[in-house]
Amino acid sequence: MKRRKQLLAMFLAGAMTLAPAAAFAEETETESSGFPFTLVTRDDQEVTFDHVPERVLSTNPNTGEELMALGLGDKIIATCYNNAVLPEEYREEYESKPVIAEKYPSLEVVLDLNPDFIYGRSSAFSEKDSSIATHDKLTEYGIMSLSSIEGYKLGCDVEDVYQDFYNLGRIFQVEDKAEEIVEGMKEKISGIEEKVADAETVKVFNFDSEREGGAYTPGNNFTSKLIRHAGGVNVFEELESTWNVVSWEAVVEANPDVIVINDYGDVTAEEKIQFLNENEALAGVTAVENQNYLVITLPEVFASTRVADTIEKFAQAFHPECFEE
């Protein structure tokens, strides 16, 4: 009997020793993995990440492009709002994913997919009927989510795109790949800026569409910053809102040297150019007189891997003499 009591005492003592050790091991493992951590996203909402996502919904082509550049295409279970064509290197894989909505799906449709992470433009995450849901609401359903910074930050610049990649690198534990992408973008942008450094700044008007009898155009937004990096200046960059309607009289007064045309939607770029050419009020504008138009697609001025390529495209159009061999 005495022997049995001794053995029981030894067992209990061992168990008590192992319990704290097991708890410590679990805590150490959590700390070494980097989880949990919290990121602040659209409308200052906080999202806590507690594991590497495995079932990802990409809500926009440009944000899907960011995920695929990081080698995460196999985690994307579905897409939506595919209003633009991706670069060829990502196109086939992205287009092979199920498309669950022409624009943004309802929350009910999303819940049926059982994603553990949703990444997209900020327009996907609001209380509007046209959005999926707010980040806070998705958290209530146990779904981690994040808005690309460019979509909601006033005066967004290339550093915010870098932060997108850093955030995704941390979430998916692919920090080295994120750093590689960012460093490549930085190097290319720096080289472009050096080429146009001594060139005279070109005045640029970005025409998105005709609205309310005027022009819908960016103010203090990401496109304006890309134009700046390329040796130009958006003639309406001082407007405080990211997007604005300006009068045609204001366009005439600004007298841009180049007009950048946003190519998307039901009205083609060719139709937009024709509209500008036929607008008698613009007859004396330098860009119209010289037919100096540059057509871009929306993903080219959204956060993506193409940011440096877009700056190069702008710079070559604004200052072709700086790129002559």
C-alpha atoms as a PDB file:
ATOM      1  CA  MET A   1       0.000   0.000   0.000  1.00  0.00           C
ATOM      2  CA  LYS A   2       2.798   2.365   0.983  1.00  0.00           C
ATOM      3  CA  ARG A   3       4.561   1.579  -2.301  1.00  0.00           C
ATOM      4  CA  ARG A   4       1.425   2.419  -4.292  1.00  0.00           C
ATOM      5  CA  LYS A   5       1.104   5.795  -2.507  1.00  0.00           C
ATOM      6  CA  GLN A   6       4.706   6.603  -3.322  1.00  0.00           C
ATOM      7  CA  LEU A   7       4.165   5.794  -6.997  1.00  0.00           C
ATOM      8  CA  LEU A   8       0.967   7.905  -7.111  1.00  0.00           C
ATOM      9  CA  ALA A   9       2.767  10.830  -5.515  1.00  0.00           C
ATOM     10  CA  MET A  10       5.563  10.564  -8.071  1.00  0.00           C
ATOM     11  CA  PHE A  11       3.024  10.458 -10.938  1.00  0.00           C
ATOM     12  CA  LEU A  12       1.167  13.534  -9.711  1.00  0.00           C
ATOM     13  CA  ALA A  13       4.397  15.445  -9.244  1.00  0.00           C
ATOM     14  CA  GLY A  14       5.470  14.566 -12.781  1.00  0.00           C
ATOM     15  CA  ALA A  15       2.114  15.630 -14.184  1.00  0.00           C
ATOM     16  CA  MET A  16       2.321  18.973 -12.403  1.00  0.00           C
ATOM     17  CA  THR A  17       5.783  19.494 -13.868  1.00  0.00           C
ATOM     18  CA  LEU A  18       4.684  18.574 -17.381  1.00  0.00           C
ATOM     19  CA  ALA A  19       1.574  20.782 -17.363  1.00  0.00           C
ATOM     20  CA  PRO A  20       3.438  24.130 -17.128  1.00  0.00           C
ATOM     21  CA  ALA A  21       5.990  22.813 -19.619  1.00  0.00           C
ATOM     22  CA  ALA A  22       3.228  21.984 -22.112  1.00  0.00           C
ATOM     23  CA  ALA A  23       1.619  25.385 -21.613  1.00  0.00           C
ATOM     24  CA  PHE A  24       4.995  27.068 -22.116  1.00  0.00           C
ATOM     25  CA  ALA A  25       5.607  25.061 -25.284  1.00  0.00           C
ATOM     26  CA  GLU A  26       2.214  26.109 -26.675  1.00  0.00           C
ATOM     27  CA  GLU A  27       2.856  29.755 -25.813  1.00  0.00           C
ATOM     28  CA  THR A  28       6.331  29.660 -27.360  1.00  0.00           C
ATOM     29  CA  GLU A  29       4.973  28.077 -30.541  1.00  0.00           C
ATOM     30  CA  THR A  30       2.329  30.818 -30.846  1.00  0.00           C
ATOM     31  CA  GLU A  31       4.910  33.557 -30.353  1.00  0.00           C
ATOM     32  CA  SER A  32       7.328  32.041 -32.882  1.00  0.00           C
ATOM     33  CA  SER A  33       4.567  31.813 -35.516  1.00  0.00           C
ATOM     34  CA  GLY A  34       3.837  35.529 -35.176  1.00  0.00           C
ATOM     35  CA  PHE A  35       0.164  35.005 -34.349  1.00  0.00           C
ATOM     36  CA  PRO A  36      -2.015  36.540 -33.162  1.00  0.00           C
ATOM     37  CA  PHE A  37      -1.551  40.120 -34.364  1.00  0.00           C
ATOM     38  CA  THR A  38      -3.907  42.958 -35.290  1.00  0.00           C
ATOM     39  CA  LEU A  39      -3.995  45.252 -38.330  1.00  0.00           C
ATOM     40  CA  VAL A  40      -5.977  48.473 -38.728  1.00  0.00           C
ATOM     41  CA  THR A  41      -7.852  48.726 -42.028  1.00  0.00           C
ATOM     42  CA  ARG A  42     -10.680  50.736 -43.622  1.00  0.00           C
ATOM     43  CA  ASP A  43     -12.581  53.112 -41.270  1.00  0.00           C
ATOM     44  CA  ASP A  44     -10.002  52.354 -38.552  1.00  0.00           C
ATOM     45  CA  GLN A  45     -11.522  48.928 -38.022  1.00  0.00           C
ATOM     46  CA  GLU A  46      -9.228  46.378 -36.379  1.00  0.00           C
ATOM     47  CA  VAL A  47      -8.857  42.807 -37.611  1.00  0.00           C
ATOM     48  CA  THR A  48      -7.003  40.152 -35.630  1.00  0.00           C
ATOM     49  CA  PHE A  49      -5.140  37.450 -37.515  1.00  0.00           C
ATOM     50  CA  ASP A  50      -4.637  34.194 -35.630  1.00  0.00           C
ATOM     51  CA  HIS A  51      -3.540  31.770 -38.377  1.00  0.00           C
ATOM     52  CA  VAL A  52      -2.313  31.571 -41.957  1.00  0.00           C
ATOM     53  CA  PRO A  53      -5.422  31.731 -44.194  1.00  0.00           C
ATOM     54  CA  GLU A  54      -6.194  28.706 -46.345  1.00  0.00           C
ATOM     55  CA  ARG A  55      -9.504  29.667 -48.045  1.00  0.00           C
ATOM     56  CA  VAL A  56      -9.233  33.119 -49.609  1.00  0.00           C
ATOM     57  CA  LEU A  57     -11.825  35.193 -51.464  1.00  0.00           C
ATOM     58  CA  SER A  58     -10.274  37.791 -53.787  1.00  0.00           C
ATOM     59  CA  THR A  59     -12.794  40.565 -54.430  1.00  0.00           C
ATOM     60  CA  ASN A  60     -10.930  42.469 -57.183  1.00  0.00           C
ATOM     61  CA  PRO A  61      -8.461  41.671 -59.980  1.00  0.00           C
ATOM     62  CA  ASN A  62      -5.716  43.988 -58.737  1.00  0.00           C
ATOM     63  CA  THR A  63      -5.791  42.584 -55.211  1.00  0.00           C
ATOM     64  CA  GLY A  64      -5.900  39.084 -56.657  1.00  0.00           C
ATOM     65  CA  GLU A  65      -2.800  40.054 -58.606  1.00  0.00           C
ATOM     66  CA  GLU A  66      -1.043  40.983 -55.358  1.00  0.00           C
ATOM     67  CA  LEU A  67      -1.913  37.600 -53.854  1.00  0.00           C
ATOM     68  CA  MET A  68      -0.742  35.701 -56.915  1.00  0.00           C
ATOM     69  CA  ALA A  69       2.527  37.646 -57.092  1.00  0.00           C
ATOM     70  CA  LEU A  70       3.223  36.322 -53.597  1.00  0.00           C
ATOM     71  CA  GLY A  71       2.625  32.756 -54.792  1.00  0.00           C
ATOM     72  CA  LEU A  72      -0.743  32.438 -53.051  1.00  0.00           C
ATOM     73  CA  GLY A  73      -2.917  31.638 -56.058  1.00  0.00           C
ATOM     74  CA  ASP A  74      -3.620  28.119 -54.809  1.00  0.00           C
ATOM     75  CA  LYS A  75      -5.344  29.571 -51.733  1.00  0.00           C
ATOM     76  CA  ILE A  76      -7.869  31.612 -53.753  1.00  0.00           C
ATOM     77  CA  ILE A  77     -11.187  29.718 -53.736  1.00  0.00           C
ATOM     78  CA  ALA A  78     -13.259  32.294 -55.652  1.00  0.00           C
ATOM     79  CA  THR A  79     -13.233  35.775 -57.226  1.00  0.00           C
ATOM     80  CA  CYS A  80     -15.702  38.527 -58.093  1.00  0.00           C
ATOM     81  CA  TYR A  81     -15.910  41.996 -59.679  1.00  0.00           C
ATOM     82  CA  ASN A  82     -13.615  40.917 -62.515  1.00  0.00           C
ATOM     83  CA  ASN A  83     -13.875  44.162 -64.468  1.00  0.00           C
ATOM     84  CA  ALA A  84     -10.310  44.104 -65.790  1.00  0.00           C
ATOM     85  CA  VAL A  85      -7.816  41.783 -67.418  1.00  0.00           C
ATOM     86  CA  LEU A  86      -4.807  40.639 -65.422  1.00  0.00           C
ATOM     87  CA  PRO A  87      -1.265  40.447 -66.803  1.00  0.00           C
ATOM     88  CA  GLU A  88      -0.668  37.318 -68.831  1.00  0.00           C
ATOM     89  CA  GLU A  89       1.499  35.671 -66.175  1.00  0.00           C
ATOM     90  CA  TYR A  90      -1.459  35.552 -63.750  1.00  0.00           C
ATOM     91  CA  ARG A  91      -4.410  35.533 -66.128  1.00  0.00           C
ATOM     92  CA  GLU A  92      -4.931  31.816 -66.771  1.00  0.00           C
ATOM     93  CA  GLU A  93      -4.778  30.782 -63.118  1.00  0.00           C
ATOM     94  CA  TYR A  94      -6.962  33.650 -61.907  1.00  0.00           C
ATOM     95  CA  GLU A  95      -9.591  33.101 -64.582  1.00  0.00           C
ATOM     96  CA  SER A  96      -9.742  29.421 -63.640  1.00  0.00           C
ATOM     97  CA  LYS A  97     -11.182  30.345 -60.234  1.00  0.00           C
ATOM     98  CA  PRO A  98     -14.972  30.276 -59.720  1.00  0.00           C
ATOM     99  CA  VAL A  99     -16.577  33.706 -60.209  1.00  0.00           C
ATOM    100  CA  ILE A 100     -19.326  34.132 -57.603  1.00  0.00           C
ATOM    101  CA  ALA A 101     -20.694  37.548 -58.628  1.00  0.00           C
ATOM    102  CA  GLU A 102     -20.473  40.114 -61.416  1.00  0.00           C
ATOM    103  CA  LYS A 103     -19.797  42.746 -58.765  1.00  0.00           C
ATOM    104  CA  TYR A 104     -19.698  42.079 -55.010  1.00  0.00           C
ATOM    105  CA  PRO A 105     -21.620  39.067 -53.664  1.00  0.00           C
ATOM    106  CA  SER A 106     -24.017  39.184 -50.731  1.00  0.00           C
ATOM    107  CA  LEU A 107     -22.796  38.203 -47.280  1.00  0.00           C
ATOM    108  CA  GLU A 108     -24.955  35.078 -47.471  1.00  0.00           C
ATOM    109  CA  VAL A 109     -23.212  33.913 -50.642  1.00  0.00           C
ATOM    110  CA  VAL A 110     -19.830  34.551 -49.043  1.00  0.00           C
ATOM    111  CA  LEU A 111     -20.733  32.628 -45.882  1.00  0.00           C
ATOM    112  CA  ASP A 112     -21.708  29.623 -47.996  1.00  0.00           C
ATOM    113  CA  LEU A 113     -18.139  29.586 -49.357  1.00  0.00           C
ATOM    114  CA  ASN A 114     -16.693  29.386 -45.845  1.00  0.00           C
ATOM    115  CA  PRO A 115     -13.606  31.560 -46.497  1.00  0.00           C
ATOM    116  CA  ASP A 116     -11.232  32.330 -43.645  1.00  0.00           C
ATOM    117  CA  PHE A 117      -9.854  35.483 -45.317  1.00  0.00           C
ATOM    118  CA  ILE A 118     -11.231  38.100 -47.732  1.00  0.00           C
ATOM    119  CA  TYR A 119      -8.899  40.563 -49.442  1.00  0.00           C
ATOM    120  CA  GLY A 120      -9.936  43.325 -51.804  1.00  0.00           C
ATOM    121  CA  ARG A 121     -10.551  46.983 -52.469  1.00  0.00           C
ATOM    122  CA  SER A 122     -12.178  48.979 -49.705  1.00  0.00           C
ATOM    123  CA  SER A 123     -15.414  49.262 -51.701  1.00  0.00           C
ATOM    124  CA  ALA A 124     -16.082  45.612 -50.820  1.00  0.00           C
ATOM    125  CA  PHE A 125     -16.164  46.358 -47.100  1.00  0.00           C
ATOM    126  CA  SER A 126     -18.927  48.756 -46.093  1.00  0.00           C
ATOM    127  CA  GLU A 127     -22.542  48.840 -44.926  1.00  0.00           C
ATOM    128  CA  LYS A 128     -23.796  49.611 -48.435  1.00  0.00           C
ATOM    129  CA  ASP A 129     -26.019  47.048 -50.120  1.00  0.00           C
ATOM    130  CA  SER A 130     -23.514  46.950 -52.974  1.00  0.00           C
ATOM    131  CA  SER A 131     -20.728  45.754 -50.644  1.00  0.00           C
ATOM    132  CA  ILE A 132     -20.161  42.436 -48.890  1.00  0.00           C
ATOM    133  CA  ALA A 133     -19.972  43.645 -45.285  1.00  0.00           C
ATOM    134  CA  THR A 134     -17.821  45.745 -42.986  1.00  0.00           C
ATOM    135  CA  HIS A 135     -14.634  44.287 -41.556  1.00  0.00           C
ATOM    136  CA  ASP A 136     -16.247  44.300 -38.111  1.00  0.00           C
ATOM    137  CA  LYS A 137     -19.234  42.319 -39.371  1.00  0.00           C
ATOM    138  CA  LEU A 138     -16.997  39.741 -41.047  1.00  0.00           C
ATOM    139  CA  THR A 139     -15.037  39.373 -37.816  1.00  0.00           C
ATOM    140  CA  GLU A 140     -18.300  38.493 -36.051  1.00  0.00           C
ATOM    141  CA  TYR A 141     -18.592  35.555 -38.454  1.00  0.00           C
ATOM    142  CA  GLY A 142     -15.023  34.461 -37.797  1.00  0.00           C
ATOM    143  CA  ILE A 143     -13.713  35.696 -41.157  1.00  0.00           C
ATOM    144  CA  MET A 144     -10.460  37.665 -41.300  1.00  0.00           C
ATOM    145  CA  SER A 145     -10.430  40.466 -43.894  1.00  0.00           C
ATOM    146  CA  LEU A 146      -8.346  43.370 -45.148  1.00  0.00           C
ATOM    147  CA  SER A 147      -8.756  46.349 -47.508  1.00  0.00           C
ATOM    148  CA  SER A 148      -5.956  47.325 -49.851  1.00  0.00           C
ATOM    149  CA  ILE A 149      -4.777  50.700 -48.504  1.00  0.00           C
ATOM    150  CA  GLU A 150      -4.857  52.521 -51.839  1.00  0.00           C
ATOM    151  CA  GLY A 151      -8.643  52.235 -52.066  1.00  0.00           C
ATOM    152  CA  TYR A 152      -9.438  54.230 -48.942  1.00  0.00           C
ATOM    153  CA  LYS A 153      -6.451  56.411 -48.014  1.00  0.00           C
ATOM    154  CA  LEU A 154      -6.492  60.056 -49.102  1.00  0.00           C
ATOM    155  CA  GLY A 155      -3.210  60.951 -50.793  1.00  0.00           C
ATOM    156  CA  CYS A 156      -2.068  57.347 -51.044  1.00  0.00           C
ATOM    157  CA  ASP A 157       1.446  56.870 -52.464  1.00  0.00           C
ATOM    158  CA  VAL A 158       3.675  53.957 -53.476  1.00  0.00           C
ATOM    159  CA  GLU A 159       4.731  53.371 -49.860  1.00  0.00           C
ATOM    160  CA  ASP A 160       1.162  52.297 -49.137  1.00  0.00           C
ATOM    161  CA  VAL A 161       1.353  49.666 -51.867  1.00  0.00           C
ATOM    162  CA  TYR A 162       4.562  48.418 -50.306  1.00  0.00           C
ATOM    163  CA  GLN A 163       2.668  48.173 -47.018  1.00  0.00           C
ATOM    164  CA  ASP A 164       0.007  46.036 -48.710  1.00  0.00           C
ATOM    165  CA  PHE A 165       2.702  43.523 -49.583  1.00  0.00           C
ATOM    166  CA  TYR A 166       4.270  43.705 -46.132  1.00  0.00           C
ATOM    167  CA  ASN A 167       0.852  43.068 -44.559  1.00  0.00           C
ATOM    168  CA  LEU A 168       0.136  40.114 -46.821  1.00  0.00           C
ATOM    169  CA  GLY A 169       3.633  38.774 -46.272  1.00  0.00           C
ATOM    170  CA  ARG A 170       3.048  38.795 -42.535  1.00  0.00           C
ATOM    171  CA  ILE A 171      -0.436  37.266 -42.772  1.00  0.00           C
ATOM    172  CA  PHE A 172       0.703  34.392 -45.003  1.00  0.00           C
ATOM    173  CA  GLN A 173       4.226  34.136 -43.551  1.00  0.00           C
ATOM    174  CA  VAL A 174       5.885  34.905 -46.886  1.00  0.00           C
ATOM    175  CA  GLU A 175       7.796  37.976 -45.713  1.00  0.00           C
ATOM    176  CA  ASP A 176      10.853  37.234 -47.854  1.00  0.00           C
ATOM    177  CA  LYS A 177       8.778  37.120 -51.035  1.00  0.00           C
ATOM    178  CA  ALA A 178       7.011  40.358 -50.093  1.00  0.00           C
ATOM    179  CA  GLU A 179      10.354  42.058 -49.507  1.00  0.00           C
ATOM    180  CA  GLU A 180      11.637  40.798 -52.866  1.00  0.00           C
ATOM    181  CA  ILE A 181       8.632  42.288 -54.683  1.00  0.00           C
ATOM    182  CA  VAL A 182       8.898  45.625 -52.880  1.00  0.00           C
ATOM    183  CA  GLU A 183      12.627  45.951 -53.478  1.00  0.00           C
ATOM    184  CA  GLY A 184      12.129  45.267 -57.180  1.00  0.00           C
ATOM    185  CA  MET A 185       9.483  47.995 -57.396  1.00  0.00           C
ATOM    186  CA  LYS A 186      11.622  50.482 -55.475  1.00  0.00           C
ATOM    187  CA  GLU A 187      14.616  49.888 -57.721  1.00  0.00           C
ATOM    188  CA  LYS A 188      12.633  50.357 -60.921  1.00  0.00           C
ATOM    189  CA  ILE A 189      10.850  53.502 -59.698  1.00  0.00           C
ATOM    190  CA  SER A 190      14.128  55.030 -58.551  1.00  0.00           C
ATOM    191  CA  GLY A 191      15.638  54.453 -61.988  1.00  0.00           C
ATOM    192  CA  ILE A 192      12.683  56.117 -63.714  1.00  0.00           C
ATOM    193  CA  GLU A 193      12.784  59.125 -61.393  1.00  0.00           C
ATOM    194  CA  GLU A 194      16.483  59.596 -62.158  1.00  0.00           C
ATOM    195  CA  LYS A 195      15.789  59.634 -65.900  1.00  0.00           C
ATOM    196  CA  VAL A 196      13.152  62.378 -65.691  1.00  0.00           C
ATOM    197  CA  ALA A 197      14.706  64.360 -62.838  1.00  0.00           C
ATOM    198  CA  ASP A 198      15.897  67.231 -65.028  1.00  0.00           C
ATOM    199  CA  ALA A 199      12.910  67.292 -67.393  1.00  0.00           C
ATOM    200  CA  GLU A 200      10.316  70.059 -67.286  1.00  0.00           C
ATOM    201  CA  THR A 201       7.176  69.005 -65.416  1.00  0.00           C
ATOM    202  CA  VAL A 202       4.307  68.086 -67.753  1.00  0.00           C
ATOM    203  CA  LYS A 203       0.714  69.154 -66.985  1.00  0.00           C
ATOM    204  CA  VAL A 204      -1.646  66.172 -66.999  1.00  0.00           C
ATOM    205  CA  PHE A 205      -5.427  65.854 -66.981  1.00  0.00           C
ATOM    206  CA  ASN A 206      -6.848  62.421 -66.118  1.00  0.00           C
ATOM    207  CA  PHE A 207     -10.241  61.996 -67.794  1.00  0.00           C
ATOM    208  CA  ASP A 208     -12.303  59.210 -66.281  1.00  0.00           C
ATOM    209  CA  SER A 209     -15.769  60.013 -67.602  1.00  0.00           C
ATOM    210  CA  GLU A 210     -18.313  62.747 -68.329  1.00  0.00           C
ATOM    211  CA  ARG A 211     -20.619  63.438 -65.374  1.00  0.00           C
ATOM    212  CA  GLU A 212     -23.089  66.167 -64.477  1.00  0.00           C
ATOM    213  CA  GLY A 213     -22.023  68.228 -67.475  1.00  0.00           C
ATOM    214  CA  GLY A 214     -18.362  68.145 -66.434  1.00  0.00           C
ATOM    215  CA  ALA A 215     -15.398  65.813 -66.102  1.00  0.00           C
ATOM    216  CA  TYR A 216     -14.965  63.153 -63.419  1.00  0.00           C
ATOM    217  CA  THR A 217     -11.311  63.267 -62.457  1.00  0.00           C
ATOM    218  CA  PRO A 218      -8.954  62.439 -59.578  1.00  0.00           C
ATOM    219  CA  GLY A 219      -7.748  64.954 -57.039  1.00  0.00           C
ATOM    220  CA  ASN A 220      -5.540  64.002 -54.104  1.00  0.00           C
ATOM    221  CA  ASN A 221      -5.346  60.296 -54.908  1.00  0.00           C
ATOM    222  CA  PHE A 222      -2.981  57.539 -55.979  1.00  0.00           C
ATOM    223  CA  THR A 223      -3.092  58.378 -59.690  1.00  0.00           C
ATOM    224  CA  SER A 224      -1.836  61.882 -58.923  1.00  0.00           C
ATOM    225  CA  LYS A 225       1.122  60.444 -57.030  1.00  0.00           C
ATOM    226  CA  LEU A 226       1.996  58.070 -59.873  1.00  0.00           C
ATOM    227  CA  ILE A 227       1.941  61.030 -62.271  1.00  0.00           C
ATOM    228  CA  ARG A 228       4.295  62.936 -59.947  1.00  0.00           C
ATOM    229  CA  HIS A 229       6.789  60.050 -59.846  1.00  0.00           C
ATOM    230  CA  ALA A 230       6.784  60.090 -63.659  1.00  0.00           C
ATOM    231  CA  GLY A 231       7.692  63.760 -64.005  1.00  0.00           C
ATOM    232  CA  GLY A 232       4.190  65.154 -64.415  1.00  0.00           C
ATOM    233  CA  VAL A 233       1.587  66.930 -62.320  1.00  0.00           C
ATOM    234  CA  ASN A 234      -2.145  66.302 -62.235  1.00  0.00           C
ATOM    235  CA  VAL A 235      -3.675  69.715 -62.899  1.00  0.00           C
ATOM    236  CA  PHE A 236      -6.364  68.945 -60.286  1.00  0.00           C
ATOM    237  CA  GLU A 237      -4.207  67.284 -57.628  1.00  0.00           C
ATOM    238  CA  GLU A 238      -4.919  70.091 -55.146  1.00  0.00           C
ATOM    239  CA  LEU A 239      -8.589  69.083 -54.899  1.00  0.00           C
ATOM    240  CA  GLU A 240      -9.068  67.505 -51.492  1.00  0.00           C
ATOM    241  CA  SER A 241     -11.330  64.630 -52.519  1.00  0.00           C
ATOM    242  CA  THR A 242      -9.900  61.549 -54.196  1.00  0.00           C
ATOM    243  CA  TRP A 243     -12.438  61.967 -57.036  1.00  0.00           C
ATOM    244  CA  ASN A 244     -14.215  65.116 -58.223  1.00  0.00           C
ATOM    245  CA  VAL A 245     -16.423  66.582 -60.933  1.00  0.00           C
ATOM    246  CA  VAL A 246     -14.827  69.662 -62.519  1.00  0.00           C
ATOM    247  CA  SER A 247     -16.197  72.009 -65.166  1.00  0.00           C
ATOM    248  CA  TRP A 248     -14.873  72.035 -68.711  1.00  0.00           C
ATOM    249  CA  GLU A 249     -13.989  75.674 -68.135  1.00  0.00           C
ATOM    250  CA  ALA A 250     -11.609  74.513 -65.395  1.00  0.00           C
ATOM    251  CA  VAL A 251     -10.010  72.043 -67.805  1.00  0.00           C
ATOM    252  CA  VAL A 252      -9.534  74.790 -70.397  1.00  0.00           C
ATOM    253  CA  GLU A 253      -7.965  77.059 -67.791  1.00  0.00           C
ATOM    254  CA  ALA A 254      -5.603  74.298 -66.644  1.00  0.00           C
ATOM    255  CA  ASN A 255      -4.571  73.686 -70.287  1.00  0.00           C
ATOM    256  CA  PRO A 256      -3.007  70.219 -69.858  1.00  0.00           C
ATOM    257  CA  ASP A 257      -0.187  68.993 -72.100  1.00  0.00           C
ATOM    258  CA  VAL A 258      -1.332  65.361 -71.849  1.00  0.00           C
ATOM    259  CA  ILE A 259      -4.733  63.778 -71.237  1.00  0.00           C
ATOM    260  CA  VAL A 260      -4.751  60.344 -69.602  1.00  0.00           C
ATOM    261  CA  ILE A 261      -7.878  58.328 -70.479  1.00  0.00           C
ATOM    262  CA  ASN A 262      -9.237  55.683 -68.081  1.00  0.00           C
ATOM    263  CA  ASP A 263     -10.289  52.729 -70.235  1.00  0.00           C
ATOM    264  CA  TYR A 264     -13.058  50.682 -68.590  1.00  0.00           C
ATOM    265  CA  GLY A 265     -16.812  50.174 -68.542  1.00  0.00           C
ATOM    266  CA  ASP A 266     -19.329  50.544 -71.358  1.00  0.00           C
ATOM    267  CA  VAL A 267     -17.768  53.665 -72.898  1.00  0.00           C
ATOM    268  CA  THR A 268     -14.572  52.776 -74.749  1.00  0.00           C
ATOM    269  CA  ALA A 269     -11.375  54.808 -74.689  1.00  0.00           C
ATOM    270  CA  GLU A 270     -11.890  55.620 -78.370  1.00  0.00           C
ATOM    271  CA  GLU A 271     -15.352  56.993 -77.617  1.00  0.00           C
ATOM    272  CA  LYS A 272     -13.965  59.116 -74.776  1.00  0.00           C
ATOM    273  CA  ILE A 273     -11.292  60.549 -77.064  1.00  0.00           C
ATOM    274  CA  GLN A 274     -13.917  61.286 -79.708  1.00  0.00           C
ATOM    275  CA  PHE A 275     -16.031  63.044 -77.053  1.00  0.00           C
ATOM    276  CA  LEU A 276     -13.081  65.262 -76.086  1.00  0.00           C
ATOM    277  CA  ASN A 277     -12.237  66.031 -79.713  1.00  0.00           C
ATOM    278  CA  GLU A 278     -15.818  67.047 -80.435  1.00  0.00           C
ATOM    279  CA  ASN A 279     -16.115  69.257 -77.340  1.00  0.00           C
ATOM    280  CA  GLU A 280     -15.761  72.726 -78.873  1.00  0.00           C
ATOM    281  CA  ALA A 281     -14.808  74.233 -75.536  1.00  0.00           C
ATOM    282  CA  LEU A 282     -11.587  72.161 -75.550  1.00  0.00           C
ATOM    283  CA  ALA A 283     -10.495  73.096 -79.079  1.00  0.00           C
ATOM    284  CA  GLY A 284      -7.645  75.304 -77.845  1.00  0.00           C
ATOM    285  CA  VAL A 285      -6.346  72.945 -75.146  1.00  0.00           C
ATOM    286  CA  THR A 286      -2.755  71.891 -75.891  1.00  0.00           C
ATOM    287  CA  ALA A 287      -3.328  68.155 -75.357  1.00  0.00           C
ATOM    288  CA  VAL A 288      -6.359  68.158 -77.674  1.00  0.00           C
ATOM    289  CA  GLU A 289      -4.637  70.232 -80.351  1.00  0.00           C
ATOM    290  CA  ASN A 290      -1.666  67.823 -80.328  1.00  0.00           C
ATOM    291  CA  GLN A 291      -3.842  64.725 -79.893  1.00  0.00           C
ATOM    292  CA  ASN A 292      -1.653  63.852 -76.934  1.00  0.00           C
ATOM    293  CA  TYR A 293      -3.717  61.120 -75.292  1.00  0.00           C
ATOM    294  CA  LEU A 294      -2.535  58.205 -73.155  1.00  0.00           C
ATOM    295  CA  VAL A 295      -4.908  55.288 -72.516  1.00  0.00           C
ATOM    296  CA  ILE A 296      -4.645  53.269 -69.315  1.00  0.00           C
ATOM    297  CA  THR A 297      -6.703  50.523 -67.680  1.00  0.00           C
ATOM    298  CA  LEU A 298      -7.902  50.930 -64.100  1.00  0.00           C
ATOM    299  CA  PRO A 299      -5.704  48.191 -62.578  1.00  0.00           C
ATOM    300  CA  GLU A 300      -2.693  50.122 -63.870  1.00  0.00           C
ATOM    301  CA  VAL A 301      -3.507  52.898 -61.372  1.00  0.00           C
ATOM    302  CA  PHE A 302      -4.656  50.609 -58.548  1.00  0.00           C
ATOM    303  CA  ALA A 303      -2.381  48.969 -55.992  1.00  0.00           C
ATOM    304  CA  SER A 304      -0.740  45.969 -57.646  1.00  0.00           C
ATOM    305  CA  THR A 305       2.583  44.612 -58.826  1.00  0.00           C
ATOM    306  CA  ARG A 306       2.290  46.937 -61.844  1.00  0.00           C
ATOM    307  CA  VAL A 307       2.844  50.220 -60.009  1.00  0.00           C
ATOM    308  CA  ALA A 308       6.427  50.638 -61.241  1.00  0.00           C
ATOM    309  CA  ASP A 309       5.366  49.646 -64.777  1.00  0.00           C
ATOM    310  CA  THR A 310       2.632  52.304 -64.728  1.00  0.00           C
ATOM    311  CA  ILE A 311       5.074  54.997 -63.613  1.00  0.00           C
ATOM    312  CA  GLU A 312       7.362  53.955 -66.467  1.00  0.00           C
ATOM    313  CA  LYS A 313       4.453  54.076 -68.931  1.00  0.00           C
ATOM    314  CA  PHE A 314       3.563  57.587 -67.729  1.00  0.00           C
ATOM    315  CA  ALA A 315       7.174  58.770 -67.836  1.00  0.00           C
ATOM    316  CA  GLN A 316       7.740  57.474 -71.370  1.00  0.00           C
ATOM    317  CA  ALA A 317       4.591  59.316 -72.544  1.00  0.00           C
ATOM    318  CA  PHE A 318       5.405  62.546 -70.672  1.00  0.00           C
ATOM    319  CA  HIS A 319       9.140  62.604 -71.467  1.00  0.00           C
ATOM    320  CA  PRO A 320       9.916  60.353 -74.455  1.00  0.00           C
ATOM    321  CA  GLU A 321      13.215  62.172 -74.973  1.00  0.00           C
ATOM    322  CA  CYS A 322      14.469  60.810 -71.626  1.00  0.00           C
ATOM    323  CA  PHE A 323      14.103  57.228 -72.835  1.00  0.00           C
ATOM    324  CA  GLU A 324      15.861  57.484 -76.190  1.00  0.00           C
ATOM    325  CA  GLU A 325      18.773  55.090 -76.461  1.00  0.00           C
END
